[in-house]
């Protein structure tokens, strides 16, 4: 799968997640090749 985004969409430190649809179910994931993954101190959730 692929997506292309303009220069100004992302920058160093932009937080992202991948949404995966399998049949009728949607789940949120960290990209498989993420170079940096961090935990939000408030929500305790991890993201890329």
ModelCIF file with pLDDT and N, C-alpha, C, O atoms, coordinates in Angstrom:
data_MODEL
#
_entry.id   MODEL 
#
_entity.id                         1 
_entity.type                       polymer 
_entity.pdbx_number_of_molecules   1 
#
_entity_poly.entity_id                      1 
_entity_poly.type                           'polypeptide(L)' 
_entity_poly.nstd_linkage                   no 
_entity_poly.nstd_monomer                   no 
_entity_poly.pdbx_seq_one_letter_code       
;(UNK)(UNK)(UNK)(UNK)(UNK)(UNK)(UNK)(UNK)(UNK)(UNK)(UNK)(UNK)(UNK)(UNK)(UNK)(UNK)
(UNK)(UNK)(UNK)(UNK)(UNK)(UNK)(UNK)(UNK)(UNK)(UNK)(UNK)(UNK)(UNK)(UNK)(UNK)(UNK)
(UNK)(UNK)(UNK)(UNK)(UNK)(UNK)(UNK)(UNK)(UNK)(UNK)(UNK)(UNK)(UNK)(UNK)(UNK)(UNK)
;
_entity_poly.pdbx_seq_one_letter_code_can   XXXXXXXXXXXXXXXXXXXXXXXXXXXXXXXXXXXXXXXXXXXXXXXX 
_entity_poly.pdbx_strand_id                 A 
#
loop_
_entity_poly_seq.entity_id 
_entity_poly_seq.num 
_entity_poly_seq.mon_id 
_entity_poly_seq.hetero 
1 1  UNK n 
1 2  UNK n 
1 3  UNK n 
1 4  UNK n 
1 5  UNK n 
1 6  UNK n 
1 7  UNK n 
1 8  UNK n 
1 9  UNK n 
1 10 UNK n 
1 11 UNK n 
1 12 UNK n 
1 13 UNK n 
1 14 UNK n 
1 15 UNK n 
1 16 UNK n 
1 17 UNK n 
1 18 UNK n 
1 19 UNK n 
1 20 UNK n 
1 21 UNK n 
1 22 UNK n 
1 23 UNK n 
1 24 UNK n 
1 25 UNK n 
1 26 UNK n 
1 27 UNK n 
1 28 UNK n 
1 29 UNK n 
1 30 UNK n 
1 31 UNK n 
1 32 UNK n 
1 33 UNK n 
1 34 UNK n 
1 35 UNK n 
1 36 UNK n 
1 37 UNK n 
1 38 UNK n 
1 39 UNK n 
1 40 UNK n 
1 41 UNK n 
1 42 UNK n 
1 43 UNK n 
1 44 UNK n 
1 45 UNK n 
1 46 UNK n 
1 47 UNK n 
1 48 UNK n 
#
_struct_asym.id          A 
_struct_asym.entity_id   1 
#
loop_
_ma_qa_metric.id 
_ma_qa_metric.mode 
_ma_qa_metric.name 
_ma_qa_metric.software_group_id 
_ma_qa_metric.type 
1 global pLDDT . pLDDT 
2 local  pLDDT . pLDDT 
#
_ma_qa_metric_global.metric_id      1 
_ma_qa_metric_global.metric_value   93.04 
_ma_qa_metric_global.model_id       1 
_ma_qa_metric_global.ordinal_id     1 
#
loop_
_ma_qa_metric_local.label_asym_id 
_ma_qa_metric_local.label_comp_id 
_ma_qa_metric_local.label_seq_id 
_ma_qa_metric_local.metric_id 
_ma_qa_metric_local.metric_value 
_ma_qa_metric_local.model_id 
_ma_qa_metric_local.ordinal_id 
A UNK 1  2 98.00 1 1  
A UNK 2  2 98.00 1 2  
A UNK 3  2 98.00 1 3  
A UNK 4  2 97.00 1 4  
A UNK 5  2 96.00 1 5  
A UNK 6  2 95.00 1 6  
A UNK 7  2 91.00 1 7  
A UNK 8  2 91.00 1 8  
A UNK 9  2 94.00 1 9  
A UNK 10 2 93.00 1 10 
A UNK 11 2 90.00 1 11 
A UNK 12 2 87.00 1 12 
A UNK 13 2 90.00 1 13 
A UNK 14 2 94.00 1 14 
A UNK 15 2 95.00 1 15 
A UNK 16 2 97.00 1 16 
A UNK 17 2 97.00 1 17 
A UNK 18 2 98.00 1 18 
A UNK 19 2 98.00 1 19 
A UNK 20 2 98.00 1 20 
A UNK 21 2 97.00 1 21 
A UNK 22 2 95.00 1 22 
A UNK 23 2 92.00 1 23 
A UNK 24 2 87.00 1 24 
A UNK 25 2 94.00 1 25 
A UNK 26 2 96.00 1 26 
A UNK 27 2 97.00 1 27 
A UNK 28 2 97.00 1 28 
A UNK 29 2 97.00 1 29 
A UNK 30 2 97.00 1 30 
A UNK 31 2 98.00 1 31 
A UNK 32 2 98.00 1 32 
A UNK 33 2 97.00 1 33 
A UNK 34 2 97.00 1 34 
A UNK 35 2 95.00 1 35 
A UNK 36 2 96.00 1 36 
A UNK 37 2 96.00 1 37 
A UNK 38 2 94.00 1 38 
A UNK 39 2 91.00 1 39 
A UNK 40 2 85.00 1 40 
A UNK 41 2 81.00 1 41 
A UNK 42 2 78.00 1 42 
A UNK 43 2 78.00 1 43 
A UNK 44 2 77.00 1 44 
A UNK 45 2 86.00 1 45 
A UNK 46 2 91.00 1 46 
A UNK 47 2 91.00 1 47 
A UNK 48 2 93.00 1 48 
#
loop_
_atom_site.group_PDB 
_atom_site.id 
_atom_site.type_symbol 
_atom_site.label_atom_id 
_atom_site.label_alt_id 
_atom_site.label_comp_id 
_atom_site.label_asym_id 
_atom_site.label_entity_id 
_atom_site.label_seq_id 
_atom_site.pdbx_PDB_ins_code 
_atom_site.Cartn_x 
_atom_site.Cartn_y 
_atom_site.Cartn_z 
_atom_site.occupancy 
_atom_site.B_iso_or_equiv 
_atom_site.pdbx_formal_charge 
_atom_site.auth_seq_id 
_atom_site.auth_comp_id 
_atom_site.auth_asym_id 
_atom_site.auth_atom_id 
_atom_site.pdbx_PDB_model_num 
ATOM 1   N N  . UNK A 1 1  ? 0.835   -1.192 0.000  1.00 98.00 ? 1  UNK A N  1 
ATOM 2   C CA . UNK A 1 1  ? 0.000   0.000  0.000  1.00 98.00 ? 1  UNK A CA 1 
ATOM 3   C C  . UNK A 1 1  ? 0.875   1.250  0.000  1.00 98.00 ? 1  UNK A C  1 
ATOM 4   O O  . UNK A 1 1  ? 2.007   1.231  0.486  1.00 98.00 ? 1  UNK A O  1 
ATOM 5   N N  . UNK A 1 2  ? 0.325   2.353  -0.561 1.00 98.00 ? 2  UNK A N  1 
ATOM 6   C CA . UNK A 1 2  ? 1.121   3.572  -0.659 1.00 98.00 ? 2  UNK A CA 1 
ATOM 7   C C  . UNK A 1 2  ? 0.230   4.805  -0.576 1.00 98.00 ? 2  UNK A C  1 
ATOM 8   O O  . UNK A 1 2  ? -0.919  4.797  -1.018 1.00 98.00 ? 2  UNK A O  1 
ATOM 9   N N  . UNK A 1 3  ? 0.793   5.867  0.002  1.00 98.00 ? 3  UNK A N  1 
ATOM 10  C CA . UNK A 1 3  ? 0.154   7.179  -0.036 1.00 98.00 ? 3  UNK A CA 1 
ATOM 11  C C  . UNK A 1 3  ? 1.254   8.232  -0.176 1.00 98.00 ? 3  UNK A C  1 
ATOM 12  O O  . UNK A 1 3  ? 2.316   8.127  0.437  1.00 98.00 ? 3  UNK A O  1 
ATOM 13  N N  . UNK A 1 4  ? 0.974   9.249  -0.998 1.00 97.00 ? 4  UNK A N  1 
ATOM 14  C CA . UNK A 1 4  ? 1.913   10.355 -1.182 1.00 97.00 ? 4  UNK A CA 1 
ATOM 15  C C  . UNK A 1 4  ? 1.284   11.618 -0.620 1.00 97.00 ? 4  UNK A C  1 
ATOM 16  O O  . UNK A 1 4  ? 0.103   11.891 -0.832 1.00 97.00 ? 4  UNK A O  1 
ATOM 17  N N  . UNK A 1 5  ? 2.098   12.387 0.104  1.00 96.00 ? 5  UNK A N  1 
ATOM 18  C CA . UNK A 1 5  ? 1.621   13.601 0.750  1.00 96.00 ? 5  UNK A CA 1 
ATOM 19  C C  . UNK A 1 5  ? 2.526   14.778 0.399  1.00 96.00 ? 5  UNK A C  1 
ATOM 20  O O  . UNK A 1 5  ? 3.728   14.598 0.201  1.00 96.00 ? 5  UNK A O  1 
ATOM 21  N N  . UNK A 1 6  ? 1.958   15.977 0.322  1.00 95.00 ? 6  UNK A N  1 
ATOM 22  C CA . UNK A 1 6  ? 2.766   17.164 0.011  1.00 95.00 ? 6  UNK A CA 1 
ATOM 23  C C  . UNK A 1 6  ? 3.818   17.437 1.083  1.00 95.00 ? 6  UNK A C  1 
ATOM 24  O O  . UNK A 1 6  ? 3.727   16.940 2.206  1.00 95.00 ? 6  UNK A O  1 
ATOM 25  N N  . UNK A 1 7  ? 4.794   18.221 0.723  1.00 91.00 ? 7  UNK A N  1 
ATOM 26  C CA . UNK A 1 7  ? 5.908   18.569 1.604  1.00 91.00 ? 7  UNK A CA 1 
ATOM 27  C C  . UNK A 1 7  ? 5.451   19.101 2.955  1.00 91.00 ? 7  UNK A C  1 
ATOM 28  O O  . UNK A 1 7  ? 6.003   18.731 3.991  1.00 91.00 ? 7  UNK A O  1 
ATOM 29  N N  . UNK A 1 8  ? 4.428   19.980 2.946  1.00 91.00 ? 8  UNK A N  1 
ATOM 30  C CA . UNK A 1 8  ? 4.026   20.652 4.172  1.00 91.00 ? 8  UNK A CA 1 
ATOM 31  C C  . UNK A 1 8  ? 3.089   19.847 5.056  1.00 91.00 ? 8  UNK A C  1 
ATOM 32  O O  . UNK A 1 8  ? 2.672   20.332 6.108  1.00 91.00 ? 8  UNK A O  1 
ATOM 33  N N  . UNK A 1 9  ? 2.748   18.630 4.654  1.00 94.00 ? 9  UNK A N  1 
ATOM 34  C CA . UNK A 1 9  ? 1.840   17.805 5.460  1.00 94.00 ? 9  UNK A CA 1 
ATOM 35  C C  . UNK A 1 9  ? 2.550   17.223 6.684  1.00 94.00 ? 9  UNK A C  1 
ATOM 36  O O  . UNK A 1 9  ? 1.990   17.176 7.779  1.00 94.00 ? 9  UNK A O  1 
ATOM 37  N N  . UNK A 1 10 ? 3.768   16.789 6.481  1.00 93.00 ? 10 UNK A N  1 
ATOM 38  C CA . UNK A 1 10 ? 4.505   16.129 7.553  1.00 93.00 ? 10 UNK A CA 1 
ATOM 39  C C  . UNK A 1 10 ? 5.809   16.856 7.829  1.00 93.00 ? 10 UNK A C  1 
ATOM 40  O O  . UNK A 1 10 ? 6.350   17.551 6.968  1.00 93.00 ? 10 UNK A O  1 
ATOM 41  N N  . UNK A 1 11 ? 6.294   16.683 9.033  1.00 90.00 ? 11 UNK A N  1 
ATOM 42  C CA . UNK A 1 11 ? 7.590   17.233 9.414  1.00 90.00 ? 11 UNK A CA 1 
ATOM 43  C C  . UNK A 1 11 ? 8.179   16.329 10.499 1.00 90.00 ? 11 UNK A C  1 
ATOM 44  O O  . UNK A 1 11 ? 7.518   15.413 10.988 1.00 90.00 ? 11 UNK A O  1 
ATOM 45  N N  . UNK A 1 12 ? 9.403   16.598 10.855 1.00 87.00 ? 12 UNK A N  1 
ATOM 46  C CA . UNK A 1 12 ? 10.049  15.795 11.887 1.00 87.00 ? 12 UNK A CA 1 
ATOM 47  C C  . UNK A 1 12 ? 9.265   15.933 13.193 1.00 87.00 ? 12 UNK A C  1 
ATOM 48  O O  . UNK A 1 12 ? 9.145   17.030 13.737 1.00 87.00 ? 12 UNK A O  1 
ATOM 49  N N  . UNK A 1 13 ? 8.732   14.810 13.693 1.00 90.00 ? 13 UNK A N  1 
ATOM 50  C CA . UNK A 1 13 ? 7.952   14.838 14.919 1.00 90.00 ? 13 UNK A CA 1 
ATOM 51  C C  . UNK A 1 13 ? 6.453   14.761 14.706 1.00 90.00 ? 13 UNK A C  1 
ATOM 52  O O  . UNK A 1 13 ? 5.700   14.664 15.675 1.00 90.00 ? 13 UNK A O  1 
ATOM 53  N N  . UNK A 1 14 ? 5.997   14.802 13.443 1.00 94.00 ? 14 UNK A N  1 
ATOM 54  C CA . UNK A 1 14 ? 4.562   14.644 13.186 1.00 94.00 ? 14 UNK A CA 1 
ATOM 55  C C  . UNK A 1 14 ? 4.078   13.311 13.740 1.00 94.00 ? 14 UNK A C  1 
ATOM 56  O O  . UNK A 1 14 ? 4.732   12.286 13.551 1.00 94.00 ? 14 UNK A O  1 
ATOM 57  N N  . UNK A 1 15 ? 2.947   13.319 14.417 1.00 95.00 ? 15 UNK A N  1 
ATOM 58  C CA . UNK A 1 15 ? 2.407   12.094 15.014 1.00 95.00 ? 15 UNK A CA 1 
ATOM 59  C C  . UNK A 1 15 ? 1.384   11.479 14.062 1.00 95.00 ? 15 UNK A C  1 
ATOM 60  O O  . UNK A 1 15 ? 0.494   12.167 13.564 1.00 95.00 ? 15 UNK A O  1 
ATOM 61  N N  . UNK A 1 16 ? 1.521   10.177 13.815 1.00 97.00 ? 16 UNK A N  1 
ATOM 62  C CA . UNK A 1 16 ? 0.649   9.483  12.863 1.00 97.00 ? 16 UNK A CA 1 
ATOM 63  C C  . UNK A 1 16 ? 0.326   8.073  13.351 1.00 97.00 ? 16 UNK A C  1 
ATOM 64  O O  . UNK A 1 16 ? 1.017   7.510  14.200 1.00 97.00 ? 16 UNK A O  1 
ATOM 65  N N  . UNK A 1 17 ? -0.737  7.528  12.791 1.00 97.00 ? 17 UNK A N  1 
ATOM 66  C CA . UNK A 1 17 ? -1.102  6.127  12.989 1.00 97.00 ? 17 UNK A CA 1 
ATOM 67  C C  . UNK A 1 17 ? -1.679  5.601  11.677 1.00 97.00 ? 17 UNK A C  1 
ATOM 68  O O  . UNK A 1 17 ? -2.129  6.367  10.825 1.00 97.00 ? 17 UNK A O  1 
ATOM 69  N N  . UNK A 1 18 ? -1.655  4.290  11.536 1.00 98.00 ? 18 UNK A N  1 
ATOM 70  C CA . UNK A 1 18 ? -2.230  3.640  10.364 1.00 98.00 ? 18 UNK A CA 1 
ATOM 71  C C  . UNK A 1 18 ? -3.555  3.008  10.752 1.00 98.00 ? 18 UNK A C  1 
ATOM 72  O O  . UNK A 1 18 ? -3.631  2.267  11.732 1.00 98.00 ? 18 UNK A O  1 
ATOM 73  N N  . UNK A 1 19 ? -4.584  3.295  9.997  1.00 98.00 ? 19 UNK A N  1 
ATOM 74  C CA . UNK A 1 19 ? -5.894  2.679  10.209 1.00 98.00 ? 19 UNK A CA 1 
ATOM 75  C C  . UNK A 1 19 ? -6.033  1.527  9.215  1.00 98.00 ? 19 UNK A C  1 
ATOM 76  O O  . UNK A 1 19 ? -5.869  1.716  8.010  1.00 98.00 ? 19 UNK A O  1 
ATOM 77  N N  . UNK A 1 20 ? -6.333  0.352  9.721  1.00 98.00 ? 20 UNK A N  1 
ATOM 78  C CA . UNK A 1 20 ? -6.433  -0.847 8.883  1.00 98.00 ? 20 UNK A CA 1 
ATOM 79  C C  . UNK A 1 20 ? -7.870  -1.357 8.895  1.00 98.00 ? 20 UNK A C  1 
ATOM 80  O O  . UNK A 1 20 ? -8.473  -1.560 9.949  1.00 98.00 ? 20 UNK A O  1 
ATOM 81  N N  . UNK A 1 21 ? -8.397  -1.556 7.690  1.00 97.00 ? 21 UNK A N  1 
ATOM 82  C CA . UNK A 1 21 ? -9.758  -2.062 7.541  1.00 97.00 ? 21 UNK A CA 1 
ATOM 83  C C  . UNK A 1 21 ? -9.691  -3.504 7.070  1.00 97.00 ? 21 UNK A C  1 
ATOM 84  O O  . UNK A 1 21 ? -9.150  -3.796 6.004  1.00 97.00 ? 21 UNK A O  1 
ATOM 85  N N  . UNK A 1 22 ? -10.242 -4.397 7.869  1.00 95.00 ? 22 UNK A N  1 
ATOM 86  C CA . UNK A 1 22 ? -10.299 -5.811 7.518  1.00 95.00 ? 22 UNK A CA 1 
ATOM 87  C C  . UNK A 1 22 ? -11.740 -6.246 7.667  1.00 95.00 ? 22 UNK A C  1 
ATOM 88  O O  . UNK A 1 22 ? -12.252 -6.354 8.781  1.00 95.00 ? 22 UNK A O  1 
ATOM 89  N N  . UNK A 1 23 ? -12.411 -6.500 6.518  1.00 92.00 ? 23 UNK A N  1 
ATOM 90  C CA . UNK A 1 23 ? -13.861 -6.726 6.478  1.00 92.00 ? 23 UNK A CA 1 
ATOM 91  C C  . UNK A 1 23 ? -14.546 -5.477 7.038  1.00 92.00 ? 23 UNK A C  1 
ATOM 92  O O  . UNK A 1 23 ? -14.337 -4.389 6.501  1.00 92.00 ? 23 UNK A O  1 
ATOM 93  N N  . UNK A 1 24 ? -15.338 -5.588 8.074  1.00 87.00 ? 24 UNK A N  1 
ATOM 94  C CA . UNK A 1 24 ? -16.057 -4.416 8.597  1.00 87.00 ? 24 UNK A CA 1 
ATOM 95  C C  . UNK A 1 24 ? -15.368 -3.839 9.827  1.00 87.00 ? 24 UNK A C  1 
ATOM 96  O O  . UNK A 1 24 ? -15.909 -2.943 10.476 1.00 87.00 ? 24 UNK A O  1 
ATOM 97  N N  . UNK A 1 25 ? -14.188 -4.340 10.151 1.00 94.00 ? 25 UNK A N  1 
ATOM 98  C CA . UNK A 1 25 ? -13.495 -3.919 11.373 1.00 94.00 ? 25 UNK A CA 1 
ATOM 99  C C  . UNK A 1 25 ? -12.354 -2.963 11.057 1.00 94.00 ? 25 UNK A C  1 
ATOM 100 O O  . UNK A 1 25 ? -11.534 -3.236 10.180 1.00 94.00 ? 25 UNK A O  1 
ATOM 101 N N  . UNK A 1 26 ? -12.299 -1.843 11.771 1.00 96.00 ? 26 UNK A N  1 
ATOM 102 C CA . UNK A 1 26 ? -11.213 -0.881 11.625 1.00 96.00 ? 26 UNK A CA 1 
ATOM 103 C C  . UNK A 1 26 ? -10.408 -0.812 12.913 1.00 96.00 ? 26 UNK A C  1 
ATOM 104 O O  . UNK A 1 26 ? -10.963 -0.660 14.001 1.00 96.00 ? 26 UNK A O  1 
ATOM 105 N N  . UNK A 1 27 ? -9.085  -0.926 12.773 1.00 97.00 ? 27 UNK A N  1 
ATOM 106 C CA . UNK A 1 27 ? -8.199  -0.859 13.933 1.00 97.00 ? 27 UNK A CA 1 
ATOM 107 C C  . UNK A 1 27 ? -7.063  0.123  13.661 1.00 97.00 ? 27 UNK A C  1 
ATOM 108 O O  . UNK A 1 27 ? -6.699  0.369  12.511 1.00 97.00 ? 27 UNK A O  1 
ATOM 109 N N  . UNK A 1 28 ? -6.514  0.678  14.734 1.00 97.00 ? 28 UNK A N  1 
ATOM 110 C CA . UNK A 1 28 ? -5.425  1.641  14.626 1.00 97.00 ? 28 UNK A CA 1 
ATOM 111 C C  . UNK A 1 28 ? -4.113  0.990  15.020 1.00 97.00 ? 28 UNK A C  1 
ATOM 112 O O  . UNK A 1 28 ? -4.053  0.236  15.991 1.00 97.00 ? 28 UNK A O  1 
ATOM 113 N N  . UNK A 1 29 ? -3.046  1.287  14.255 1.00 97.00 ? 29 UNK A N  1 
ATOM 114 C CA . UNK A 1 29 ? -1.762  0.611  14.465 1.00 97.00 ? 29 UNK A CA 1 
ATOM 115 C C  . UNK A 1 29 ? -0.594  1.583  14.308 1.00 97.00 ? 29 UNK A C  1 
ATOM 116 O O  . UNK A 1 29 ? -0.716  2.648  13.704 1.00 97.00 ? 29 UNK A O  1 
ATOM 117 N N  . UNK A 1 30 ? 0.539   1.178  14.874 1.00 97.00 ? 30 UNK A N  1 
ATOM 118 C CA . UNK A 1 30 ? 1.795   1.863  14.633 1.00 97.00 ? 30 UNK A CA 1 
ATOM 119 C C  . UNK A 1 30 ? 2.350   1.345  13.304 1.00 97.00 ? 30 UNK A C  1 
ATOM 120 O O  . UNK A 1 30 ? 2.363   0.131  13.100 1.00 97.00 ? 30 UNK A O  1 
ATOM 121 N N  . UNK A 1 31 ? 2.807   2.203  12.395 1.00 98.00 ? 31 UNK A N  1 
ATOM 122 C CA . UNK A 1 31 ? 3.409   1.722  11.141 1.00 98.00 ? 31 UNK A CA 1 
ATOM 123 C C  . UNK A 1 31 ? 4.511   0.693  11.408 1.00 98.00 ? 31 UNK A C  1 
ATOM 124 O O  . UNK A 1 31 ? 5.282   0.823  12.359 1.00 98.00 ? 31 UNK A O  1 
ATOM 125 N N  . UNK A 1 32 ? 4.571   -0.324 10.556 1.00 98.00 ? 32 UNK A N  1 
ATOM 126 C CA . UNK A 1 32 ? 5.495   -1.439 10.776 1.00 98.00 ? 32 UNK A CA 1 
ATOM 127 C C  . UNK A 1 32 ? 6.956   -1.007 10.784 1.00 98.00 ? 32 UNK A C  1 
ATOM 128 O O  . UNK A 1 32 ? 7.772   -1.586 11.501 1.00 98.00 ? 32 UNK A O  1 
ATOM 129 N N  . UNK A 1 33 ? 7.289   0.008  9.989  1.00 97.00 ? 33 UNK A N  1 
ATOM 130 C CA . UNK A 1 33 ? 8.685   0.426  9.868  1.00 97.00 ? 33 UNK A CA 1 
ATOM 131 C C  . UNK A 1 33 ? 8.935   1.763  10.568 1.00 97.00 ? 33 UNK A C  1 
ATOM 132 O O  . UNK A 1 33 ? 9.832   2.514  10.186 1.00 97.00 ? 33 UNK A O  1 
ATOM 133 N N  . UNK A 1 34 ? 8.138   2.050  11.592 1.00 97.00 ? 34 UNK A N  1 
ATOM 134 C CA . UNK A 1 34 ? 8.286   3.302  12.336 1.00 97.00 ? 34 UNK A CA 1 
ATOM 135 C C  . UNK A 1 34 ? 9.702   3.420  12.898 1.00 97.00 ? 34 UNK A C  1 
ATOM 136 O O  . UNK A 1 34 ? 10.227  2.469  13.478 1.00 97.00 ? 34 UNK A O  1 
ATOM 137 N N  . UNK A 1 35 ? 10.324  4.602  12.721 1.00 95.00 ? 35 UNK A N  1 
ATOM 138 C CA . UNK A 1 35 ? 11.675  4.856  13.220 1.00 95.00 ? 35 UNK A CA 1 
ATOM 139 C C  . UNK A 1 35 ? 11.663  5.429  14.631 1.00 95.00 ? 35 UNK A C  1 
ATOM 140 O O  . UNK A 1 35 ? 12.659  5.354  15.352 1.00 95.00 ? 35 UNK A O  1 
ATOM 141 N N  . UNK A 1 36 ? 10.534  5.996  15.014 1.00 96.00 ? 36 UNK A N  1 
ATOM 142 C CA . UNK A 1 36 ? 10.413  6.527  16.373 1.00 96.00 ? 36 UNK A CA 1 
ATOM 143 C C  . UNK A 1 36 ? 8.976   6.342  16.853 1.00 96.00 ? 36 UNK A C  1 
ATOM 144 O O  . UNK A 1 36 ? 8.029   6.692  16.149 1.00 96.00 ? 36 UNK A O  1 
ATOM 145 N N  . UNK A 1 37 ? 8.821   5.791  18.055 1.00 96.00 ? 37 UNK A N  1 
ATOM 146 C CA . UNK A 1 37 ? 7.516   5.548  18.654 1.00 96.00 ? 37 UNK A CA 1 
ATOM 147 C C  . UNK A 1 37 ? 7.537   6.128  20.068 1.00 96.00 ? 37 UNK A C  1 
ATOM 148 O O  . UNK A 1 37 ? 8.471   5.882  20.832 1.00 96.00 ? 37 UNK A O  1 
ATOM 149 N N  . UNK A 1 38 ? 6.503   6.898  20.412 1.00 94.00 ? 38 UNK A N  1 
ATOM 150 C CA . UNK A 1 38 ? 6.488   7.589  21.702 1.00 94.00 ? 38 UNK A CA 1 
ATOM 151 C C  . UNK A 1 38 ? 5.166   7.349  22.419 1.00 94.00 ? 38 UNK A C  1 
ATOM 152 O O  . UNK A 1 38 ? 4.151   7.020  21.804 1.00 94.00 ? 38 UNK A O  1 
ATOM 153 N N  . UNK A 1 39 ? 5.208   7.524  23.741 1.00 91.00 ? 39 UNK A N  1 
ATOM 154 C CA . UNK A 1 39 ? 4.017   7.371  24.567 1.00 91.00 ? 39 UNK A CA 1 
ATOM 155 C C  . UNK A 1 39 ? 3.528   8.734  25.023 1.00 91.00 ? 39 UNK A C  1 
ATOM 156 O O  . UNK A 1 39 ? 4.305   9.546  25.525 1.00 91.00 ? 39 UNK A O  1 
ATOM 157 N N  . UNK A 1 40 ? 2.234   8.984  24.847 1.00 85.00 ? 40 UNK A N  1 
ATOM 158 C CA . UNK A 1 40 ? 1.646   10.232 25.296 1.00 85.00 ? 40 UNK A CA 1 
ATOM 159 C C  . UNK A 1 40 ? 1.539   10.211 26.823 1.00 85.00 ? 40 UNK A C  1 
ATOM 160 O O  . UNK A 1 40 ? 0.922   9.300  27.376 1.00 85.00 ? 40 UNK A O  1 
ATOM 161 N N  . UNK A 1 41 ? 2.119   11.182 27.510 1.00 81.00 ? 41 UNK A N  1 
ATOM 162 C CA . UNK A 1 41 ? 2.110   11.157 28.976 1.00 81.00 ? 41 UNK A CA 1 
ATOM 163 C C  . UNK A 1 41 ? 0.726   11.287 29.602 1.00 81.00 ? 41 UNK A C  1 
ATOM 164 O O  . UNK A 1 41 ? 0.523   10.902 30.753 1.00 81.00 ? 41 UNK A O  1 
ATOM 165 N N  . UNK A 1 42 ? -0.242  11.840 28.829 1.00 78.00 ? 42 UNK A N  1 
ATOM 166 C CA . UNK A 1 42 ? -1.593  12.013 29.371 1.00 78.00 ? 42 UNK A CA 1 
ATOM 167 C C  . UNK A 1 42 ? -2.476  10.799 29.093 1.00 78.00 ? 42 UNK A C  1 
ATOM 168 O O  . UNK A 1 42 ? -3.106  10.258 30.002 1.00 78.00 ? 42 UNK A O  1 
ATOM 169 N N  . UNK A 1 43 ? -2.516  10.378 27.834 1.00 78.00 ? 43 UNK A N  1 
ATOM 170 C CA . UNK A 1 43 ? -3.389  9.255  27.464 1.00 78.00 ? 43 UNK A CA 1 
ATOM 171 C C  . UNK A 1 43 ? -2.704  7.911  27.657 1.00 78.00 ? 43 UNK A C  1 
ATOM 172 O O  . UNK A 1 43 ? -3.379  6.881  27.683 1.00 78.00 ? 43 UNK A O  1 
ATOM 173 N N  . UNK A 1 44 ? -1.382  7.891  27.793 1.00 77.00 ? 44 UNK A N  1 
ATOM 174 C CA . UNK A 1 44 ? -0.554  6.688  27.941 1.00 77.00 ? 44 UNK A CA 1 
ATOM 175 C C  . UNK A 1 44 ? -0.588  5.832  26.677 1.00 77.00 ? 44 UNK A C  1 
ATOM 176 O O  . UNK A 1 44 ? -0.110  4.698  26.690 1.00 77.00 ? 44 UNK A O  1 
ATOM 177 N N  . UNK A 1 45 ? -1.141  6.355  25.595 1.00 86.00 ? 45 UNK A N  1 
ATOM 178 C CA . UNK A 1 45 ? -1.164  5.626  24.327 1.00 86.00 ? 45 UNK A CA 1 
ATOM 179 C C  . UNK A 1 45 ? 0.132   5.881  23.557 1.00 86.00 ? 45 UNK A C  1 
ATOM 180 O O  . UNK A 1 45 ? 0.766   6.927  23.697 1.00 86.00 ? 45 UNK A O  1 
ATOM 181 N N  . UNK A 1 46 ? 0.503   4.895  22.743 1.00 91.00 ? 46 UNK A N  1 
ATOM 182 C CA . UNK A 1 46 ? 1.719   5.003  21.937 1.00 91.00 ? 46 UNK A CA 1 
ATOM 183 C C  . UNK A 1 46 ? 1.352   5.353  20.502 1.00 91.00 ? 46 UNK A C  1 
ATOM 184 O O  . UNK A 1 46 ? 0.324   4.907  19.993 1.00 91.00 ? 46 UNK A O  1 
ATOM 185 N N  . UNK A 1 47 ? 2.187   6.147  19.855 1.00 91.00 ? 47 UNK A N  1 
ATOM 186 C CA . UNK A 1 47 ? 1.970   6.449  18.445 1.00 91.00 ? 47 UNK A CA 1 
ATOM 187 C C  . UNK A 1 47 ? 3.310   6.679  17.765 1.00 91.00 ? 47 UNK A C  1 
ATOM 188 O O  . UNK A 1 47 ? 4.346   6.786  18.422 1.00 91.00 ? 47 UNK A O  1 
ATOM 189 N N  . UNK A 1 48 ? 3.274   6.753  16.445 1.00 93.00 ? 48 UNK A N  1 
ATOM 190 C CA . UNK A 1 48 ? 4.492   6.934  15.658 1.00 93.00 ? 48 UNK A CA 1 
ATOM 191 C C  . UNK A 1 48 ? 4.770   8.422  15.461 1.00 93.00 ? 48 UNK A C  1 
ATOM 192 O O  . UNK A 1 48 ? 5.756   8.786  14.821 1.00 93.00 ? 48 UNK A O  1 
#
